[in-house]
Structures are given as structure tokens and as C-alpha cells.
């Protein structure tokens, strides 16, 4: 196997693979291949299948990076041998038998929930105001508008789905805490990072530090990849 890992980037809810566009060039400049998965956000099973296809297409070791909901996906799939390390970006990291919603229960509701719209199929999207105020409040208005236009609607059922594996128990893990997050409470992010024993870096950003603080996020991913 090649000794240089492929970095597979797994986006979260209210986003798509283009949300990694500021991090990918930085990873490539450090000599790493980077692949952004386009998650359907229909179910945990479907998202895991998309990530597995990306792993299968790659060669050699793999580093999995999950943002937000994507953290549950990498937690579920990351136990396999080729996955060498995990990076969580303001993300869920449930234990086996837990759902993302379960992990949030001890914490007060986040401000970001006020900007969520639910359609008749129980798919969730962020309103433009919700995106600008709660998801991307530290980005220019035109960036927030683009995120709102390109976001992937997410099935509400995803957040109630329990993972059956917890890869962070057996893989080295890194965690980026977004200290100004309005979608997931910063105290929840800190508690999650501590619970999984991750190497933790806190950045002054909203819920999408890979967009507003790409240098800091890329540095964490590169560290995880070099360790792998």
C-alpha cells in the first residue's frame, strides 16, 4: 500500500461536498490526495455506502474527516483496517447504540434549530436567514447565500439513527471545536472531544470552521494524516 494516506472528507447536514473547497487545495499543497464525498443525507446507511465507495476507489491508507452529521458517518464506518485516523470537525461522535440526538440530550437546544425548515417528507433545510445567522455567521453574506442555495436537505430520521460501531474507540482521533458554533453547542463539542479522547484544537469560528478558518482546519487534518 502507498504510505501517503488519502483524505476522505464527509460533509454534514445543510451542506454538500463543495463545502470542503477551501481545505482541499491546502491538503493538496501538502502532498495529500483529498476526496469530498457527496452524501445523499437520506439515511446513515446510504451515507456510509457513499463513503465506502470512496474508500474502495482510493489506494493505501485512509484518513476520514467528518463535519457535523458526517461525524456519525465516519464513526460508523471507520473501524476497517485501511482507516488509520479520524478527524471530527464540530461533529457528532456517538457511541455504539447511540444516535446523534441521544448525545445531545444533556445539552440545551441550540439557537440554530430556530432556522430549520421541515418539508412534508420530513427533510430539513436551513432558511437563508438561518444559514446566515446560525450556520455561517462568520462568513460574508454572499457565502452564506451560496451555502443556502447548495445545501443538501437532510432526512430528520438521520439524527435519530443509532450507530452500531464507534471507530473512535480503536482509531486515533482529532477534534476541532468551533467556539462560536450556533448549530451544536460549543460545550457539547468540547464534551464530545473529551469523551472520545481526541486530540483537540479549538478555533474561534461558527459551525463551519473549514470555510471560515480553513488554515486551522487543514493543519489539524494534515497532522492526523502525517501521524497515520
Protein backbone atom coordinates (compact mmCIF):
# COMPACT_ATOMS: atom_id res chain seq x y z
CA UNK A 1 0.00 0.00 0.00
CA UNK A 2 1.03 3.56 -0.61
CA UNK A 3 2.29 5.19 2.58
CA UNK A 4 0.63 8.53 1.83
CA UNK A 5 -2.99 8.37 3.02
CA UNK A 6 -5.95 9.57 1.02
CA UNK A 7 -8.05 12.06 2.96
CA UNK A 8 -11.78 11.47 2.54
CA UNK A 9 -13.94 14.43 3.53
CA UNK A 10 -17.51 13.76 4.67
CA UNK A 11 -19.82 16.77 4.79
CA UNK A 12 -22.66 17.22 7.22
CA UNK A 13 -26.25 18.35 7.07
CA UNK A 14 -27.21 21.60 5.29
CA UNK A 15 -24.10 21.30 3.09
CA UNK A 16 -22.57 19.40 0.19
CA UNK A 17 -19.10 18.35 -0.88
CA UNK A 18 -18.24 21.82 -2.16
CA UNK A 19 -18.07 22.99 1.45
CA UNK A 20 -14.55 21.50 1.57
CA UNK A 21 -13.40 23.72 -1.30
CA UNK A 22 -11.14 25.89 0.85
CA UNK A 23 -9.50 22.97 2.65
CA UNK A 24 -8.82 20.68 -0.33
CA UNK A 25 -6.20 22.95 -2.02
CA UNK A 26 -4.37 23.26 1.28
CA UNK A 27 -4.27 19.47 1.69
CA UNK A 28 -3.10 19.04 -1.89
CA UNK A 29 -0.34 21.59 -1.32
CA UNK A 30 0.92 19.33 1.48
CA UNK A 31 1.07 16.38 -0.90
CA UNK A 32 -2.15 14.58 0.04
CA UNK A 33 -4.90 13.30 -2.21
CA UNK A 34 -8.26 14.58 -0.95
CA UNK A 35 -11.74 13.41 -1.95
CA UNK A 36 -15.01 15.06 -0.95
CA UNK A 37 -17.96 12.67 -0.77
CA UNK A 38 -21.39 13.84 -1.92
CA UNK A 39 -23.64 12.40 0.76
CA UNK A 40 -27.31 11.89 -0.13
CA UNK A 41 -28.29 12.69 3.51
CA UNK A 42 -31.20 10.25 3.26
CA UNK A 43 -30.03 7.75 5.88
CA UNK A 44 -26.96 6.68 7.80
CA UNK A 45 -26.84 3.52 5.67
CA UNK A 46 -26.81 5.47 2.40
CA UNK A 47 -24.16 7.92 3.55
CA UNK A 48 -21.97 5.09 4.81
CA UNK A 49 -22.32 3.36 1.42
CA UNK A 50 -21.16 6.53 -0.37
CA UNK A 51 -18.13 6.83 1.89
CA UNK A 52 -17.33 3.15 1.43
CA UNK A 53 -17.27 3.62 -2.32
CA UNK A 54 -14.80 6.47 -1.88
CA UNK A 55 -12.62 4.26 0.31
CA UNK A 56 -12.79 1.46 -2.25
CA UNK A 57 -11.74 3.80 -5.06
CA UNK A 58 -8.73 5.05 -3.13
CA UNK A 59 -5.39 3.30 -2.68
CA UNK A 60 -3.48 2.74 0.51
CA UNK A 61 -4.35 4.08 3.96
CA UNK A 62 -7.23 6.48 4.54
CA UNK A 63 -7.97 9.34 6.91
CA UNK A 64 -11.67 10.05 7.41
CA UNK A 65 -12.82 13.60 8.18
CA UNK A 66 -16.41 14.26 9.23
CA UNK A 67 -18.17 17.58 9.72
CA UNK A 68 -21.28 17.76 11.92
CA UNK A 69 -23.58 14.87 10.89
CA UNK A 70 -20.64 13.48 8.94
CA UNK A 71 -19.04 12.63 12.27
CA UNK A 72 -21.69 9.97 12.84
CA UNK A 73 -20.91 8.54 9.40
CA UNK A 74 -17.16 8.23 9.99
CA UNK A 75 -17.85 6.83 13.45
CA UNK A 76 -19.92 4.06 11.89
CA UNK A 77 -17.56 3.17 9.05
CA UNK A 78 -14.12 3.92 10.44
CA UNK A 79 -13.24 0.65 12.14
CA UNK A 80 -11.92 -1.02 8.98
CA UNK A 81 -8.20 -1.67 8.72
CA UNK A 82 -7.39 0.84 5.97
CA UNK A 83 -8.75 3.74 8.03
CA UNK A 84 -5.81 4.99 10.08
CA UNK A 85 -7.22 8.04 11.83
CA UNK A 86 -10.37 10.13 12.24
CA UNK A 87 -10.88 13.89 12.28
CA UNK A 88 -14.08 15.39 13.64
CA UNK A 89 -14.97 18.99 12.69
CA UNK A 90 -17.65 20.35 15.06
CA UNK A 91 -19.16 16.90 14.75
CA UNK A 92 -21.21 14.17 16.32
CA UNK A 93 -19.32 11.12 17.59
CA UNK A 94 -21.90 8.73 19.06
CA UNK A 95 -21.05 5.59 20.97
CA UNK A 96 -22.29 2.27 19.66
CA UNK A 97 -26.02 2.10 20.33
CA UNK A 98 -26.38 5.89 20.41
CA UNK A 99 -27.90 8.29 17.90
CA UNK A 100 -26.73 11.87 17.38
CA UNK A 101 -29.91 13.01 19.13
CA UNK A 102 -29.05 10.82 22.12
CA UNK A 103 -25.69 12.54 22.53
CA UNK A 104 -27.35 15.96 22.54
CA UNK A 105 -29.92 15.19 25.25
CA UNK A 106 -27.91 16.57 28.19
CA UNK A 107 -27.47 19.94 26.47
CA UNK A 108 -29.92 22.81 25.90
CA UNK A 109 -31.37 23.27 22.39
CA UNK A 110 -29.14 25.26 20.08
CA UNK A 111 -30.07 28.59 18.54
CA UNK A 112 -29.69 27.04 15.10
CA UNK A 113 -32.86 25.00 15.43
CA UNK A 114 -34.92 28.17 15.02
CA UNK A 115 -33.76 28.48 11.40
CA UNK A 116 -34.64 24.96 10.29
CA UNK A 117 -37.49 24.34 7.84
CA UNK A 118 -39.20 20.92 7.64
CA UNK A 119 -40.95 19.74 4.47
CA UNK A 120 -43.76 17.19 4.17
CA UNK A 121 -41.23 14.41 3.64
CA UNK A 122 -39.54 15.25 6.95
CA UNK A 123 -36.44 16.60 5.24
CA UNK A 124 -34.74 19.53 6.92
CA UNK A 125 -33.20 22.61 5.32
CA UNK A 126 -31.88 25.86 6.70
CA UNK A 127 -33.60 29.07 5.71
CA UNK A 128 -31.40 31.78 4.24
CA UNK A 129 -31.73 33.70 7.50
CA UNK A 130 -30.90 30.58 9.50
CA UNK A 131 -27.85 29.90 7.37
CA UNK A 132 -26.58 33.47 7.70
CA UNK A 133 -27.31 33.79 11.41
CA UNK A 134 -26.51 30.35 12.79
CA UNK A 135 -24.50 28.20 10.35
CA UNK A 136 -22.25 30.73 8.67
CA UNK A 137 -22.43 33.85 10.81
CA UNK A 138 -18.68 34.38 10.46
CA UNK A 139 -18.75 34.28 6.66
CA UNK A 140 -19.67 37.07 4.20
CA UNK A 141 -23.34 37.34 3.30
CA UNK A 142 -22.70 36.17 -0.27
CA UNK A 143 -21.05 32.99 1.04
CA UNK A 144 -23.99 32.27 3.31
CA UNK A 145 -26.36 32.78 0.38
CA UNK A 146 -24.36 30.30 -1.72
CA UNK A 147 -24.41 27.76 1.11
CA UNK A 148 -28.17 28.14 1.43
CA UNK A 149 -28.60 27.57 -2.31
CA UNK A 150 -26.35 24.49 -2.48
CA UNK A 151 -27.20 22.80 0.83
CA UNK A 152 -28.29 19.18 0.88
CA UNK A 153 -31.67 18.63 2.56
CA UNK A 154 -31.24 16.04 5.32
CA UNK A 155 -33.76 13.45 6.48
CA UNK A 156 -34.75 14.18 10.07
CA UNK A 157 -34.59 10.44 10.73
CA UNK A 158 -30.81 10.53 10.29
CA UNK A 159 -30.34 12.18 13.67
CA UNK A 160 -32.42 9.51 15.42
CA UNK A 161 -30.49 6.60 13.87
CA UNK A 162 -28.22 4.73 16.25
CA UNK A 163 -24.73 3.80 15.11
CA UNK A 164 -23.67 0.19 15.64
CA UNK A 165 -19.93 0.88 15.81
CA UNK A 166 -17.71 3.52 17.39
CA UNK A 167 -14.49 3.76 15.40
CA UNK A 168 -13.02 6.39 17.71
CA UNK A 169 -12.55 3.65 20.31
CA UNK A 170 -9.87 1.99 18.19
CA UNK A 171 -8.55 4.76 15.91
CA UNK A 172 -6.52 7.87 16.77
CA UNK A 173 -8.89 10.83 16.66
CA UNK A 174 -8.63 14.59 16.29
CA UNK A 175 -11.40 17.08 17.03
CA UNK A 176 -11.92 20.71 16.00
CA UNK A 177 -14.16 22.60 18.44
CA UNK A 178 -15.89 25.65 16.95
CA UNK A 179 -16.12 28.04 19.88
CA UNK A 180 -18.86 30.22 18.32
CA UNK A 181 -20.99 27.36 17.00
CA UNK A 182 -24.72 28.11 16.96
CA UNK A 183 -25.82 24.79 15.43
CA UNK A 184 -24.21 22.49 18.01
CA UNK A 185 -23.47 23.94 21.46
CA UNK A 186 -19.74 24.55 21.99
CA UNK A 187 -19.96 22.82 25.37
CA UNK A 188 -21.36 19.78 23.58
CA UNK A 189 -18.44 19.86 21.15
CA UNK A 190 -15.92 20.10 24.00
CA UNK A 191 -17.62 17.28 25.89
CA UNK A 192 -17.67 15.11 22.78
CA UNK A 193 -13.98 15.67 22.11
CA UNK A 194 -13.17 14.81 25.72
CA UNK A 195 -15.39 11.72 25.74
CA UNK A 196 -13.71 10.19 22.71
CA UNK A 197 -10.21 11.10 23.89
CA UNK A 198 -9.43 13.16 20.81
CA UNK A 199 -6.51 15.48 20.26
CA UNK A 200 -8.50 18.72 20.44
CA UNK A 201 -7.99 22.09 18.79
CA UNK A 202 -10.41 24.94 19.47
CA UNK A 203 -10.92 27.62 16.84
CA UNK A 204 -12.82 30.88 17.03
CA UNK A 205 -15.45 30.14 14.40
CA UNK A 206 -19.04 29.28 13.71
CA UNK A 207 -20.30 25.83 12.75
CA UNK A 208 -18.24 25.67 9.53
CA UNK A 209 -14.61 26.31 10.51
CA UNK A 210 -13.46 24.54 7.34
CA UNK A 211 -14.92 27.52 5.48
CA UNK A 212 -14.11 30.38 7.83
CA UNK A 213 -10.81 29.06 9.27
CA UNK A 214 -9.51 26.72 6.54
CA UNK A 215 -5.85 27.11 7.50
CA UNK A 216 -6.51 25.93 11.06
CA UNK A 217 -8.70 23.04 9.95
CA UNK A 218 -6.28 21.92 7.24
CA UNK A 219 -3.45 21.95 9.78
CA UNK A 220 -5.35 19.55 12.04
CA UNK A 221 -6.15 17.22 9.14
CA UNK A 222 -2.53 17.27 7.96
CA UNK A 223 -1.36 16.39 11.46
CA UNK A 224 -3.73 13.44 11.55
CA UNK A 225 -2.64 12.33 8.09
CA UNK A 226 1.07 12.56 8.88
CA UNK A 227 0.54 10.60 12.07
CA UNK A 228 -1.25 7.94 10.02
